[in-house]
Amino acid sequence: MGLGGISIWQLAIVLLIVVLIFGTKRLKSIGSDLGGAIKGFKKAMDHDEDQAGSDTQKRLEGEEQDAEFPEQKKNKSRSV
């Protein structure tokens, strides 16, 4: 028994049928396209996390400044 009741022979037959239908060149291009898409997705996720981290850091720095000078914050809200 293999994965979830599927034997190794059944997996081999399905793989053989897929190779016969699509061919090795098309499977290679599909694999490389899929790999590139995953790589781009991970890069975008890392970029978003970095950007979110810097935004959070800026926000925390602003809150620390507001906490140090509460009188100035009150005066600014009254003048606006």
PDB file of N, CA and C in Angstrom:
ATOM      1  N   MET A   1       0.828  -1.185   0.000  1.00  0.00           N
ATOM      2  CA  MET A   1       0.000   0.000   0.000  1.00  0.00           C
ATOM      3  C   MET A   1       0.868   1.242   0.000  1.00  0.00           C
ATOM      4  N   GLY A   2       0.439   2.219  -0.743  1.00  0.00           N
ATOM      5  CA  GLY A   2       1.173   3.471  -0.842  1.00  0.00           C
ATOM      6  C   GLY A   2       0.436   4.586  -0.131  1.00  0.00           C
ATOM      7  N   LEU A   3       0.279   5.663  -0.820  1.00  0.00           N
ATOM      8  CA  LEU A   3      -0.356   6.849  -0.263  1.00  0.00           C
ATOM      9  C   LEU A   3      -1.872   6.726  -0.328  1.00  0.00           C
ATOM     10  N   GLY A   4      -2.528   6.671   0.802  1.00  0.00           N
ATOM     11  CA  GLY A   4      -3.978   6.664   0.849  1.00  0.00           C
ATOM     12  C   GLY A   4      -4.621   5.511   0.102  1.00  0.00           C
ATOM     13  N   GLY A   5      -4.014   4.353   0.111  1.00  0.00           N
ATOM     14  CA  GLY A   5      -4.576   3.187  -0.548  1.00  0.00           C
ATOM     15  C   GLY A   5      -4.190   3.056  -2.009  1.00  0.00           C
ATOM     16  N   ILE A   6      -3.332   3.936  -2.527  1.00  0.00           N
ATOM     17  CA  ILE A   6      -2.880   3.857  -3.916  1.00  0.00           C
ATOM     18  C   ILE A   6      -1.521   3.168  -3.919  1.00  0.00           C
ATOM     19  N   SER A   7      -1.417   2.101  -4.687  1.00  0.00           N
ATOM     20  CA  SER A   7      -0.151   1.363  -4.717  1.00  0.00           C
ATOM     21  C   SER A   7       0.856   2.053  -5.632  1.00  0.00           C
ATOM     22  N   ILE A   8       2.106   1.629  -5.536  1.00  0.00           N
ATOM     23  CA  ILE A   8       3.169   2.209  -6.354  1.00  0.00           C
ATOM     24  C   ILE A   8       2.932   1.920  -7.831  1.00  0.00           C
ATOM     25  N   TRP A   9       2.337   0.777  -8.136  1.00  0.00           N
ATOM     26  CA  TRP A   9       2.065   0.430  -9.534  1.00  0.00           C
ATOM     27  C   TRP A   9       1.012   1.354 -10.133  1.00  0.00           C
ATOM     28  N   GLN A  10       0.010   1.703  -9.367  1.00  0.00           N
ATOM     29  CA  GLN A  10      -1.017   2.622  -9.866  1.00  0.00           C
ATOM     30  C   GLN A  10      -0.421   4.008 -10.117  1.00  0.00           C
ATOM     31  N   LEU A  11       0.451   4.445  -9.228  1.00  0.00           N
ATOM     32  CA  LEU A  11       1.121   5.733  -9.432  1.00  0.00           C
ATOM     33  C   LEU A  11       2.003   5.705 -10.673  1.00  0.00           C
ATOM     34  N   ALA A  12       2.704   4.593 -10.893  1.00  0.00           N
ATOM     35  CA  ALA A  12       3.571   4.465 -12.067  1.00  0.00           C
ATOM     36  C   ALA A  12       2.757   4.489 -13.353  1.00  0.00           C
ATOM     37  N   ILE A  13       1.615   3.842 -13.360  1.00  0.00           N
ATOM     38  CA  ILE A  13       0.761   3.832 -14.556  1.00  0.00           C
ATOM     39  C   ILE A  13       0.230   5.234 -14.840  1.00  0.00           C
ATOM     40  N   VAL A  14      -0.203   5.942 -13.813  1.00  0.00           N
ATOM     41  CA  VAL A  14      -0.700   7.311 -14.000  1.00  0.00           C
ATOM     42  C   VAL A  14       0.417   8.209 -14.516  1.00  0.00           C
ATOM     43  N   LEU A  15       1.621   8.071 -13.971  1.00  0.00           N
ATOM     44  CA  LEU A  15       2.767   8.857 -14.425  1.00  0.00           C
ATOM     45  C   LEU A  15       3.091   8.560 -15.880  1.00  0.00           C
ATOM     46  N   LEU A  16       3.050   7.299 -16.264  1.00  0.00           N
ATOM     47  CA  LEU A  16       3.314   6.908 -17.648  1.00  0.00           C
ATOM     48  C   LEU A  16       2.274   7.510 -18.595  1.00  0.00           C
ATOM     49  N   ILE A  17       1.027   7.488 -18.209  1.00  0.00           N
ATOM     50  CA  ILE A  17      -0.038   8.061 -19.048  1.00  0.00           C
ATOM     51  C   ILE A  17       0.150   9.574 -19.192  1.00  0.00           C
ATOM     52  N   VAL A  18       0.509  10.244 -18.111  1.00  0.00           N
ATOM     53  CA  VAL A  18       0.732  11.692 -18.164  1.00  0.00           C
ATOM     54  C   VAL A  18       1.890  12.017 -19.097  1.00  0.00           C
ATOM     55  N   VAL A  19       2.976  11.240 -19.016  1.00  0.00           N
ATOM     56  CA  VAL A  19       4.130  11.470 -19.894  1.00  0.00           C
ATOM     57  C   VAL A  19       3.748  11.224 -21.343  1.00  0.00           C
ATOM     58  N   LEU A  20       2.957  10.196 -21.607  1.00  0.00           N
ATOM     59  CA  LEU A  20       2.539   9.913 -22.983  1.00  0.00           C
ATOM     60  C   LEU A  20       1.632  11.011 -23.532  1.00  0.00           C
ATOM     61  N   ILE A  21       0.769  11.544 -22.707  1.00  0.00           N
ATOM     62  CA  ILE A  21      -0.168  12.576 -23.176  1.00  0.00           C
ATOM     63  C   ILE A  21       0.549  13.907 -23.409  1.00  0.00           C
ATOM     64  N   PHE A  22       1.322  14.353 -22.436  1.00  0.00           N
ATOM     65  CA  PHE A  22       1.929  15.677 -22.518  1.00  0.00           C
ATOM     66  C   PHE A  22       3.320  15.687 -23.140  1.00  0.00           C
ATOM     67  N   GLY A  23       4.062  14.629 -23.015  1.00  0.00           N
ATOM     68  CA  GLY A  23       5.428  14.604 -23.519  1.00  0.00           C
ATOM     69  C   GLY A  23       6.389  15.202 -22.511  1.00  0.00           C
ATOM     70  N   THR A  24       7.651  14.821 -22.629  1.00  0.00           N
ATOM     71  CA  THR A  24       8.632  15.261 -21.636  1.00  0.00           C
ATOM     72  C   THR A  24       8.965  16.745 -21.759  1.00  0.00           C
ATOM     73  N   LYS A  25       8.982  17.280 -22.982  1.00  0.00           N
ATOM     74  CA  LYS A  25       9.321  18.703 -23.150  1.00  0.00           C
ATOM     75  C   LYS A  25       8.265  19.598 -22.511  1.00  0.00           C
ATOM     76  N   ARG A  26       7.007  19.261 -22.735  1.00  0.00           N
ATOM     77  CA  ARG A  26       5.937  20.074 -22.164  1.00  0.00           C
ATOM     78  C   ARG A  26       5.928  19.953 -20.642  1.00  0.00           C
ATOM     79  N   LEU A  27       6.165  18.750 -20.123  1.00  0.00           N
ATOM     80  CA  LEU A  27       6.215  18.579 -18.671  1.00  0.00           C
ATOM     81  C   LEU A  27       7.367  19.373 -18.065  1.00  0.00           C
ATOM     82  N   LYS A  28       8.501  19.409 -18.776  1.00  0.00           N
ATOM     83  CA  LYS A  28       9.646  20.182 -18.288  1.00  0.00           C
ATOM     84  C   LYS A  28       9.307  21.673 -18.255  1.00  0.00           C
ATOM     85  N   SER A  29       8.658  22.165 -19.302  1.00  0.00           N
ATOM     86  CA  SER A  29       8.307  23.591 -19.328  1.00  0.00           C
ATOM     87  C   SER A  29       7.251  23.914 -18.273  1.00  0.00           C
ATOM     88  N   ILE A  30       6.310  22.997 -18.068  1.00  0.00           N
ATOM     89  CA  ILE A  30       5.304  23.216 -17.027  1.00  0.00           C
ATOM     90  C   ILE A  30       5.973  23.258 -15.660  1.00  0.00           C
ATOM     91  N   GLY A  31       6.916  22.344 -15.429  1.00  0.00           N
ATOM     92  CA  GLY A  31       7.628  22.315 -14.150  1.00  0.00           C
ATOM     93  C   GLY A  31       8.439  23.573 -13.910  1.00  0.00           C
ATOM     94  N   SER A  32       9.124  24.049 -14.953  1.00  0.00           N
ATOM     95  CA  SER A  32       9.927  25.266 -14.776  1.00  0.00           C
ATOM     96  C   SER A  32       9.033  26.490 -14.584  1.00  0.00           C
ATOM     97  N   ASP A  33       7.904  26.542 -15.283  1.00  0.00           N
ATOM     98  CA  ASP A  33       6.967  27.652 -15.090  1.00  0.00           C
ATOM     99  C   ASP A  33       6.388  27.641 -13.677  1.00  0.00           C
ATOM    100  N   LEU A  34       6.043  26.454 -13.208  1.00  0.00           N
ATOM    101  CA  LEU A  34       5.496  26.334 -11.858  1.00  0.00           C
ATOM    102  C   LEU A  34       6.541  26.726 -10.818  1.00  0.00           C
ATOM    103  N   GLY A  35       7.776  26.295 -11.026  1.00  0.00           N
ATOM    104  CA  GLY A  35       8.855  26.671 -10.110  1.00  0.00           C
ATOM    105  C   GLY A  35       9.096  28.171 -10.092  1.00  0.00           C
ATOM    106  N   GLY A  36       9.061  28.802 -11.266  1.00  0.00           N
ATOM    107  CA  GLY A  36       9.231  30.253 -11.342  1.00  0.00           C
ATOM    108  C   GLY A  36       8.101  30.996 -10.651  1.00  0.00           C
ATOM    109  N   ALA A  37       6.884  30.470 -10.795  1.00  0.00           N
ATOM    110  CA  ALA A  37       5.742  31.104 -10.141  1.00  0.00           C
ATOM    111  C   ALA A  37       5.861  31.007  -8.626  1.00  0.00           C
ATOM    112  N   ILE A  38       6.284  29.856  -8.135  1.00  0.00           N
ATOM    113  CA  ILE A  38       6.450  29.685  -6.691  1.00  0.00           C
ATOM    114  C   ILE A  38       7.556  30.597  -6.173  1.00  0.00           C
ATOM    115  N   LYS A  39       8.651  30.699  -6.927  1.00  0.00           N
ATOM    116  CA  LYS A  39       9.765  31.564  -6.528  1.00  0.00           C
ATOM    117  C   LYS A  39       9.312  33.027  -6.474  1.00  0.00           C
ATOM    118  N   GLY A  40       8.559  33.463  -7.485  1.00  0.00           N
ATOM    119  CA  GLY A  40       8.044  34.829  -7.499  1.00  0.00           C
ATOM    120  C   GLY A  40       7.086  35.096  -6.350  1.00  0.00           C
ATOM    121  N   PHE A  41       6.254  34.107  -6.029  1.00  0.00           N
ATOM    122  CA  PHE A  41       5.314  34.246  -4.922  1.00  0.00           C
ATOM    123  C   PHE A  41       6.056  34.398  -3.603  1.00  0.00           C
ATOM    124  N   LYS A  42       7.071  33.566  -3.388  1.00  0.00           N
ATOM    125  CA  LYS A  42       7.853  33.654  -2.150  1.00  0.00           C
ATOM    126  C   LYS A  42       8.572  34.995  -2.054  1.00  0.00           C
ATOM    127  N   LYS A  43       9.105  35.473  -3.183  1.00  0.00           N
ATOM    128  CA  LYS A  43       9.804  36.757  -3.192  1.00  0.00           C
ATOM    129  C   LYS A  43       8.839  37.891  -2.842  1.00  0.00           C
ATOM    130  N   ALA A  44       7.631  37.835  -3.400  1.00  0.00           N
ATOM    131  CA  ALA A  44       6.627  38.859  -3.107  1.00  0.00           C
ATOM    132  C   ALA A  44       6.207  38.811  -1.642  1.00  0.00           C
ATOM    133  N   MET A  45       6.073  37.610  -1.092  1.00  0.00           N
ATOM    134  CA  MET A  45       5.704  37.479   0.317  1.00  0.00           C
ATOM    135  C   MET A  45       6.798  38.051   1.214  1.00  0.00           C
ATOM    136  N   ASP A  46       8.060  37.773   0.902  1.00  0.00           N
ATOM    137  CA  ASP A  46       9.165  38.318   1.686  1.00  0.00           C
ATOM    138  C   ASP A  46       9.200  39.836   1.588  1.00  0.00           C
ATOM    139  N   HIS A  47       8.948  40.367   0.394  1.00  0.00           N
ATOM    140  CA  HIS A  47       8.939  41.821   0.197  1.00  0.00           C
ATOM    141  C   HIS A  47       7.820  42.458   1.017  1.00  0.00           C
ATOM    142  N   ASP A  48       6.632  41.844   1.002  1.00  0.00           N
ATOM    143  CA  ASP A  48       5.511  42.381   1.765  1.00  0.00           C
ATOM    144  C   ASP A  48       5.783  42.327   3.261  1.00  0.00           C
ATOM    145  N   GLU A  49       6.415  41.243   3.734  1.00  0.00           N
ATOM    146  CA  GLU A  49       6.730  41.139   5.155  1.00  0.00           C
ATOM    147  C   GLU A  49       7.747  42.197   5.556  1.00  0.00           C
ATOM    148  N   ASP A  50       8.751  42.437   4.702  1.00  0.00           N
ATOM    149  CA  ASP A  50       9.743  43.471   4.994  1.00  0.00           C
ATOM    150  C   ASP A  50       9.088  44.843   5.043  1.00  0.00           C
ATOM    151  N   GLN A  51       8.199  45.101   4.095  1.00  0.00           N
ATOM    152  CA  GLN A  51       7.523  46.391   4.037  1.00  0.00           C
ATOM    153  C   GLN A  51       6.603  46.561   5.245  1.00  0.00           C
ATOM    154  N   ALA A  52       5.883  45.508   5.610  1.00  0.00           N
ATOM    155  CA  ALA A  52       4.998  45.588   6.768  1.00  0.00           C
ATOM    156  C   ALA A  52       5.803  45.794   8.043  1.00  0.00           C
ATOM    157  N   GLY A  53       6.956  45.165   8.124  1.00  0.00           N
ATOM    158  CA  GLY A  53       7.807  45.335   9.301  1.00  0.00           C
ATOM    159  C   GLY A  53       8.316  46.752   9.433  1.00  0.00           C
ATOM    160  N   SER A  54       8.707  47.373   8.314  1.00  0.00           N
ATOM    161  CA  SER A  54       9.198  48.750   8.376  1.00  0.00           C
ATOM    162  C   SER A  54       8.062  49.716   8.694  1.00  0.00           C
ATOM    163  N   ASP A  55       6.852  49.450   8.162  1.00  0.00           N
ATOM    164  CA  ASP A  55       5.701  50.294   8.486  1.00  0.00           C
ATOM    165  C   ASP A  55       5.366  50.200   9.969  1.00  0.00           C
ATOM    166  N   THR A  56       5.419  48.991  10.507  1.00  0.00           N
ATOM    167  CA  THR A  56       5.143  48.800  11.929  1.00  0.00           C
ATOM    168  C   THR A  56       6.187  49.504  12.770  1.00  0.00           C
ATOM    169  N   GLN A  57       7.443  49.406  12.364  1.00  0.00           N
ATOM    170  CA  GLN A  57       8.520  50.064  13.110  1.00  0.00           C
ATOM    171  C   GLN A  57       8.321  51.581  13.099  1.00  0.00           C
ATOM    172  N   LYS A  58       7.960  52.148  11.943  1.00  0.00           N
ATOM    173  CA  LYS A  58       7.724  53.594  11.865  1.00  0.00           C
ATOM    174  C   LYS A  58       6.557  53.994  12.763  1.00  0.00           C
ATOM    175  N   ARG A  59       5.504  53.180  12.758  1.00  0.00           N
ATOM    176  CA  ARG A  59       4.336  53.475  13.569  1.00  0.00           C
ATOM    177  C   ARG A  59       4.699  53.425  15.057  1.00  0.00           C
ATOM    178  N   LEU A  60       5.490  52.418  15.442  1.00  0.00           N
ATOM    179  CA  LEU A  60       5.899  52.318  16.841  1.00  0.00           C
ATOM    180  C   LEU A  60       6.775  53.491  17.244  1.00  0.00           C
ATOM    181  N   GLU A  61       7.663  53.933  16.369  1.00  0.00           N
ATOM    182  CA  GLU A  61       8.504  55.087  16.669  1.00  0.00           C
ATOM    183  C   GLU A  61       7.650  56.336  16.837  1.00  0.00           C
ATOM    184  N   GLY A  62       6.620  56.479  16.011  1.00  0.00           N
ATOM    185  CA  GLY A  62       5.716  57.617  16.128  1.00  0.00           C
ATOM    186  C   GLY A  62       4.943  57.588  17.429  1.00  0.00           C
ATOM    187  N   GLU A  63       4.513  56.404  17.867  1.00  0.00           N
ATOM    188  CA  GLU A  63       3.792  56.284  19.127  1.00  0.00           C
ATOM    189  C   GLU A  63       4.705  56.597  20.300  1.00  0.00           C
ATOM    190  N   GLU A  64       5.973  56.192  20.197  1.00  0.00           N
ATOM    191  CA  GLU A  64       6.912  56.508  21.268  1.00  0.00           C
ATOM    192  C   GLU A  64       7.106  58.012  21.372  1.00  0.00           C
ATOM    193  N   GLN A  65       7.179  58.706  20.254  1.00  0.00           N
ATOM    194  CA  GLN A  65       7.339  60.156  20.277  1.00  0.00           C
ATOM    195  C   GLN A  65       6.092  60.808  20.853  1.00  0.00           C
ATOM    196  N   ASP A  66       4.907  60.306  20.487  1.00  0.00           N
ATOM    197  CA  ASP A  66       3.674  60.847  21.031  1.00  0.00           C
ATOM    198  C   ASP A  66       3.602  60.620  22.532  1.00  0.00           C
ATOM    199  N   ALA A  67       4.101  59.485  22.991  1.00  0.00           N
ATOM    200  CA  ALA A  67       4.065  59.182  24.415  1.00  0.00           C
ATOM    201  C   ALA A  67       5.004  60.093  25.193  1.00  0.00           C
ATOM    202  N   GLU A  68       6.078  60.532  24.568  1.00  0.00           N
ATOM    203  CA  GLU A  68       7.034  61.392  25.250  1.00  0.00           C
ATOM    204  C   GLU A  68       6.511  62.821  25.388  1.00  0.00           C
ATOM    205  N   PHE A  69       5.720  63.290  24.433  1.00  0.00           N
ATOM    206  CA  PHE A  69       5.249  64.667  24.435  1.00  0.00           C
ATOM    207  C   PHE A  69       3.728  64.712  24.262  1.00  0.00           C
ATOM    208  N   PRO A  70       2.971  64.338  25.273  1.00  0.00           N
ATOM    209  CA  PRO A  70       1.513  64.327  25.117  1.00  0.00           C
ATOM    210  C   PRO A  70       0.926  65.727  24.989  1.00  0.00           C
ATOM    211  N   GLU A  71       1.582  66.752  25.540  1.00  0.00           N
ATOM    212  CA  GLU A  71       1.039  68.106  25.459  1.00  0.00           C
ATOM    213  C   GLU A  71       1.031  68.609  24.017  1.00  0.00           C
ATOM    214  N   GLN A  72       2.082  68.308  23.281  1.00  0.00           N
ATOM    215  CA  GLN A  72       2.162  68.752  21.893  1.00  0.00           C
ATOM    216  C   GLN A  72       1.080  68.088  21.058  1.00  0.00           C
ATOM    217  N   LYS A  73       0.781  66.848  21.345  1.00  0.00           N
ATOM    218  CA  LYS A  73      -0.250  66.140  20.594  1.00  0.00           C
ATOM    219  C   LYS A  73      -1.612  66.791  20.835  1.00  0.00           C
ATOM    220  N   LYS A  74      -1.898  67.192  22.081  1.00  0.00           N
ATOM    221  CA  LYS A  74      -3.169  67.837  22.392  1.00  0.00           C
ATOM    222  C   LYS A  74      -3.269  69.192  21.703  1.00  0.00           C
ATOM    223  N   ASN A  75      -2.179  69.959  21.693  1.00  0.00           N
ATOM    224  CA  ASN A  75      -2.170  71.269  21.058  1.00  0.00           C
ATOM    225  C   ASN A  75      -2.377  71.158  19.558  1.00  0.00           C
ATOM    226  N   LYS A  76      -1.795  70.145  18.936  1.00  0.00           N
ATOM    227  CA  LYS A  76      -1.962  69.963  17.495  1.00  0.00           C
ATOM    228  C   LYS A  76      -3.403  69.630  17.157  1.00  0.00           C
ATOM    229  N   SER A  77      -4.053  68.808  17.965  1.00  0.00           N
ATOM    230  CA  SER A  77      -5.430  68.429  17.665  1.00  0.00           C
ATOM    231  C   SER A  77      -6.378  69.610  17.862  1.00  0.00           C
ATOM    232  N   ARG A  78      -6.080  70.515  18.762  1.00  0.00           N
ATOM    233  CA  ARG A  78      -6.930  71.692  18.970  1.00  0.00           C
ATOM    234  C   ARG A  78      -6.770  72.715  17.855  1.00  0.00           C
ATOM    235  N   SER A  79      -5.550  72.843  17.330  1.00  0.00           N
ATOM    236  CA  SER A  79      -5.303  73.847  16.304  1.00  0.00           C
ATOM    237  C   SER A  79      -5.827  73.415  14.942  1.00  0.00           C
ATOM    238  N   VAL A  80      -6.084  72.153  14.745  1.00  0.00           N
ATOM    239  CA  VAL A  80      -6.547  71.661  13.437  1.00  0.00           C
ATOM    240  C   VAL A  80      -7.990  71.773  13.303  1.00  0.00           C
TER     241      VAL A  80
END
